């Protein structure tokens, strides 16, 4: 596709191919970085497991730390209510 064709296409569609390419390339780069970070997280969990930590509990703690205080309190209260309703002691 020639530069003239791109110019005509940009005019027809109202889209800047150069700007679009920049966004796509940036997102691709960020996706690569995200994959690398996810691999580091996976390795860190593996190290923690090797050191005797329960990874399921660690993930639960991480999820709890992301919650707002009110949301966490409400969830804990509901957990206690449901457990009592089932005759479970926590």
N, C-alpha and C. Protein backbone atom coordinates (compact mmCIF):
# COMPACT_ATOMS: atom_id res chain seq x y z
N UNK A 1 0.85 -1.17 0.00
CA UNK A 1 0.00 0.00 0.00
C UNK A 1 0.90 1.23 0.00
N UNK A 2 0.65 2.12 -0.91
CA UNK A 2 1.47 3.32 -1.04
C UNK A 2 1.05 4.38 -0.02
N UNK A 3 1.90 5.38 0.12
CA UNK A 3 1.61 6.47 1.05
C UNK A 3 0.34 7.20 0.63
N UNK A 4 0.11 7.32 -0.68
CA UNK A 4 -1.10 7.97 -1.19
C UNK A 4 -2.33 7.16 -0.81
N UNK A 5 -2.22 5.83 -0.94
CA UNK A 5 -3.34 4.96 -0.56
C UNK A 5 -3.66 5.11 0.93
N UNK A 6 -2.61 5.18 1.75
CA UNK A 6 -2.81 5.34 3.19
C UNK A 6 -3.47 6.68 3.50
N UNK A 7 -3.02 7.71 2.81
CA UNK A 7 -3.62 9.04 3.01
C UNK A 7 -5.10 9.02 2.65
N UNK A 8 -5.43 8.37 1.52
CA UNK A 8 -6.84 8.29 1.10
C UNK A 8 -7.66 7.48 2.11
N UNK A 9 -7.08 6.39 2.58
CA UNK A 9 -7.78 5.55 3.56
C UNK A 9 -8.01 6.32 4.86
N UNK A 10 -6.99 7.06 5.29
CA UNK A 10 -7.12 7.87 6.50
C UNK A 10 -8.22 8.90 6.33
N UNK A 11 -8.29 9.51 5.15
CA UNK A 11 -9.32 10.51 4.89
C UNK A 11 -10.71 9.88 4.90
N UNK A 12 -10.84 8.70 4.27
CA UNK A 12 -12.13 8.02 4.20
C UNK A 12 -12.62 7.59 5.58
N UNK A 13 -11.72 6.99 6.35
CA UNK A 13 -12.11 6.41 7.63
C UNK A 13 -11.96 7.36 8.80
N UNK A 14 -11.25 8.43 8.60
CA UNK A 14 -11.02 9.38 9.69
C UNK A 14 -10.10 8.79 10.75
N UNK A 15 -9.19 7.93 10.32
CA UNK A 15 -8.28 7.25 11.24
C UNK A 15 -6.85 7.51 10.80
N UNK A 16 -6.00 7.84 11.76
CA UNK A 16 -4.59 8.04 11.47
C UNK A 16 -3.88 6.71 11.63
N UNK A 17 -3.39 6.16 10.52
CA UNK A 17 -2.72 4.86 10.59
C UNK A 17 -1.45 4.93 11.43
N UNK A 18 -0.75 6.04 11.37
CA UNK A 18 0.47 6.19 12.18
C UNK A 18 0.16 6.17 13.67
N UNK A 19 -0.86 6.91 14.04
CA UNK A 19 -1.26 6.96 15.45
C UNK A 19 -1.77 5.59 15.91
N UNK A 20 -2.56 4.94 15.05
CA UNK A 20 -3.08 3.61 15.37
C UNK A 20 -1.92 2.63 15.57
N UNK A 21 -0.94 2.67 14.68
CA UNK A 21 0.23 1.79 14.77
C UNK A 21 0.97 2.02 16.10
N UNK A 22 1.10 3.28 16.49
CA UNK A 22 1.78 3.60 17.75
C UNK A 22 1.03 2.98 18.93
N UNK A 23 -0.28 3.10 18.94
CA UNK A 23 -1.07 2.51 20.03
C UNK A 23 -0.92 0.99 20.04
N UNK A 24 -1.03 0.38 18.89
CA UNK A 24 -0.93 -1.08 18.81
C UNK A 24 0.44 -1.55 19.29
N UNK A 25 1.49 -0.90 18.84
CA UNK A 25 2.84 -1.30 19.24
C UNK A 25 3.07 -1.08 20.73
N UNK A 26 2.53 0.00 21.26
CA UNK A 26 2.66 0.26 22.70
C UNK A 26 1.94 -0.83 23.50
N UNK A 27 0.74 -1.17 23.07
CA UNK A 27 -0.01 -2.22 23.77
C UNK A 27 0.71 -3.55 23.69
N UNK A 28 1.26 -3.86 22.53
CA UNK A 28 2.03 -5.11 22.38
C UNK A 28 3.21 -5.14 23.33
N UNK A 29 3.91 -4.02 23.45
CA UNK A 29 5.06 -3.95 24.36
C UNK A 29 4.61 -4.12 25.81
N UNK A 30 3.51 -3.47 26.18
CA UNK A 30 2.99 -3.60 27.53
C UNK A 30 2.55 -5.03 27.84
N UNK A 31 1.96 -5.70 26.84
CA UNK A 31 1.56 -7.10 27.01
C UNK A 31 2.78 -7.98 27.26
N UNK A 32 3.87 -7.72 26.55
CA UNK A 32 5.11 -8.47 26.76
C UNK A 32 5.65 -8.24 28.18
N UNK A 33 5.64 -6.98 28.61
CA UNK A 33 6.11 -6.66 29.96
C UNK A 33 5.23 -7.32 31.01
N UNK A 34 3.91 -7.33 30.75
CA UNK A 34 2.98 -7.95 31.68
C UNK A 34 3.27 -9.45 31.80
N UNK A 35 3.54 -10.09 30.69
CA UNK A 35 3.85 -11.52 30.70
C UNK A 35 5.12 -11.79 31.50
N UNK A 36 6.11 -10.92 31.34
CA UNK A 36 7.35 -11.07 32.11
C UNK A 36 7.09 -10.90 33.61
N UNK A 37 6.29 -9.91 33.96
CA UNK A 37 5.95 -9.69 35.37
C UNK A 37 5.17 -10.86 35.94
N UNK A 38 4.25 -11.41 35.15
CA UNK A 38 3.48 -12.56 35.61
C UNK A 38 4.40 -13.75 35.86
N UNK A 39 5.42 -13.91 35.05
CA UNK A 39 6.39 -14.99 35.25
C UNK A 39 7.17 -14.76 36.54
N UNK A 40 7.52 -13.51 36.83
CA UNK A 40 8.22 -13.20 38.08
C UNK A 40 7.32 -13.50 39.29
N UNK A 41 6.05 -13.17 39.18
CA UNK A 41 5.10 -13.45 40.27
C UNK A 41 5.01 -14.96 40.48
N UNK A 42 4.90 -15.70 39.40
CA UNK A 42 4.83 -17.17 39.48
C UNK A 42 6.07 -17.73 40.16
N UNK A 43 7.23 -17.23 39.79
CA UNK A 43 8.48 -17.68 40.41
C UNK A 43 8.52 -17.34 41.89
N UNK A 44 8.01 -16.17 42.26
CA UNK A 44 8.00 -15.76 43.66
C UNK A 44 7.09 -16.66 44.48
N UNK A 45 5.93 -17.00 43.92
CA UNK A 45 5.04 -17.94 44.61
C UNK A 45 5.72 -19.30 44.77
N UNK A 46 6.43 -19.74 43.75
CA UNK A 46 7.14 -21.03 43.83
C UNK A 46 8.20 -20.99 44.92
N UNK A 47 8.91 -19.88 45.02
CA UNK A 47 9.94 -19.73 46.07
C UNK A 47 9.28 -19.77 47.45
N UNK A 48 8.16 -19.06 47.59
CA UNK A 48 7.46 -19.03 48.87
C UNK A 48 6.98 -20.44 49.24
N UNK A 49 6.47 -21.16 48.26
CA UNK A 49 6.01 -22.53 48.51
C UNK A 49 7.18 -23.41 48.95
N UNK A 50 8.32 -23.26 48.29
CA UNK A 50 9.51 -24.02 48.67
C UNK A 50 9.97 -23.69 50.08
N UNK A 51 9.68 -22.47 50.53
CA UNK A 51 10.05 -22.06 51.88
C UNK A 51 8.99 -22.44 52.91
N UNK A 52 7.94 -23.16 52.46
CA UNK A 52 6.95 -23.68 53.39
C UNK A 52 5.69 -22.86 53.54
N UNK A 53 5.52 -21.83 52.75
CA UNK A 53 4.31 -21.01 52.84
C UNK A 53 3.20 -21.62 52.01
N UNK A 54 1.95 -21.43 52.46
CA UNK A 54 0.78 -21.91 51.74
C UNK A 54 0.38 -20.85 50.71
N UNK A 55 0.56 -21.17 49.45
CA UNK A 55 0.34 -20.21 48.37
C UNK A 55 -1.14 -19.82 48.27
N UNK A 56 -2.05 -20.76 48.52
CA UNK A 56 -3.48 -20.43 48.47
C UNK A 56 -3.81 -19.34 49.49
N UNK A 57 -3.25 -19.48 50.68
CA UNK A 57 -3.50 -18.49 51.73
C UNK A 57 -2.86 -17.15 51.35
N UNK A 58 -1.68 -17.20 50.77
CA UNK A 58 -1.02 -15.96 50.33
C UNK A 58 -1.88 -15.24 49.29
N UNK A 59 -2.45 -15.99 48.35
CA UNK A 59 -3.31 -15.38 47.33
C UNK A 59 -4.55 -14.76 47.98
N UNK A 60 -5.09 -15.44 48.97
CA UNK A 60 -6.26 -14.92 49.68
C UNK A 60 -5.91 -13.60 50.39
N UNK A 61 -4.75 -13.59 51.04
CA UNK A 61 -4.29 -12.37 51.73
C UNK A 61 -4.11 -11.23 50.73
N UNK A 62 -3.53 -11.53 49.59
CA UNK A 62 -3.35 -10.50 48.56
C UNK A 62 -4.70 -9.95 48.11
N UNK A 63 -5.67 -10.82 47.92
CA UNK A 63 -7.01 -10.37 47.51
C UNK A 63 -7.64 -9.51 48.60
N UNK A 64 -7.46 -9.92 49.85
CA UNK A 64 -8.03 -9.15 50.97
C UNK A 64 -7.39 -7.77 51.06
N UNK A 65 -6.10 -7.69 50.82
CA UNK A 65 -5.40 -6.41 50.91
C UNK A 65 -5.84 -5.43 49.83
N UNK A 66 -6.38 -5.95 48.73
CA UNK A 66 -6.86 -5.08 47.65
C UNK A 66 -8.23 -4.50 47.94
N UNK A 67 -8.95 -5.14 48.88
CA UNK A 67 -10.32 -4.71 49.19
C UNK A 67 -10.33 -3.45 50.05
N UNK A 68 -11.42 -2.72 49.92
CA UNK A 68 -11.65 -1.61 50.83
C UNK A 68 -11.98 -2.20 52.19
N UNK A 69 -11.65 -1.45 53.24
CA UNK A 69 -11.85 -1.95 54.60
C UNK A 69 -13.31 -2.36 54.84
N UNK A 70 -14.24 -1.53 54.39
CA UNK A 70 -15.65 -1.82 54.59
C UNK A 70 -16.06 -3.11 53.87
N UNK A 71 -15.58 -3.27 52.66
CA UNK A 71 -15.89 -4.47 51.88
C UNK A 71 -15.34 -5.73 52.54
N UNK A 72 -14.14 -5.63 53.06
CA UNK A 72 -13.51 -6.76 53.74
C UNK A 72 -14.29 -7.13 55.00
N UNK A 73 -14.66 -6.12 55.78
CA UNK A 73 -15.42 -6.37 57.01
C UNK A 73 -16.77 -7.04 56.69
N UNK A 74 -17.43 -6.54 55.65
CA UNK A 74 -18.72 -7.10 55.26
C UNK A 74 -18.56 -8.57 54.83
N UNK A 75 -17.52 -8.85 54.08
CA UNK A 75 -17.28 -10.21 53.62
C UNK A 75 -16.99 -11.14 54.80
N UNK A 76 -16.21 -10.67 55.75
CA UNK A 76 -15.90 -11.48 56.93
C UNK A 76 -17.14 -11.74 57.77
N UNK A 77 -17.98 -10.72 57.91
CA UNK A 77 -19.23 -10.89 58.66
C UNK A 77 -20.14 -11.92 58.00
N UNK A 78 -20.27 -11.83 56.68
CA UNK A 78 -21.10 -12.79 55.96
C UNK A 78 -20.53 -14.20 56.06
N UNK A 79 -19.23 -14.32 56.01
CA UNK A 79 -18.59 -15.62 56.15
C UNK A 79 -18.94 -16.24 57.50
N UNK A 80 -18.87 -15.44 58.56
CA UNK A 80 -19.21 -15.92 59.90
C UNK A 80 -20.69 -16.32 59.98
N UNK A 81 -21.57 -15.50 59.42
CA UNK A 81 -23.01 -15.78 59.45
C UNK A 81 -23.29 -17.09 58.72
N UNK A 82 -22.73 -17.25 57.54
CA UNK A 82 -22.97 -18.46 56.75
C UNK A 82 -22.40 -19.69 57.46
N UNK A 83 -21.22 -19.54 58.03
CA UNK A 83 -20.61 -20.67 58.73
C UNK A 83 -21.46 -21.10 59.93
N UNK A 84 -21.94 -20.11 60.69
CA UNK A 84 -22.81 -20.42 61.83
C UNK A 84 -24.09 -21.09 61.37
N UNK A 85 -24.66 -20.62 60.25
CA UNK A 85 -25.88 -21.20 59.72
C UNK A 85 -25.70 -22.67 59.35
N UNK A 86 -24.47 -23.03 59.01
CA UNK A 86 -24.17 -24.42 58.63
C UNK A 86 -23.63 -25.22 59.81
N UNK A 87 -23.61 -24.60 60.99
CA UNK A 87 -23.12 -25.29 62.17
C UNK A 87 -21.62 -25.42 62.22
N UNK A 88 -20.95 -24.58 61.49
CA UNK A 88 -19.48 -24.61 61.47
C UNK A 88 -18.95 -23.60 62.48
N UNK A 89 -17.88 -23.94 63.12
CA UNK A 89 -17.24 -23.01 64.06
C UNK A 89 -15.94 -22.52 63.42
N UNK A 90 -15.82 -21.20 63.35
CA UNK A 90 -14.60 -20.64 62.78
C UNK A 90 -13.82 -19.95 63.88
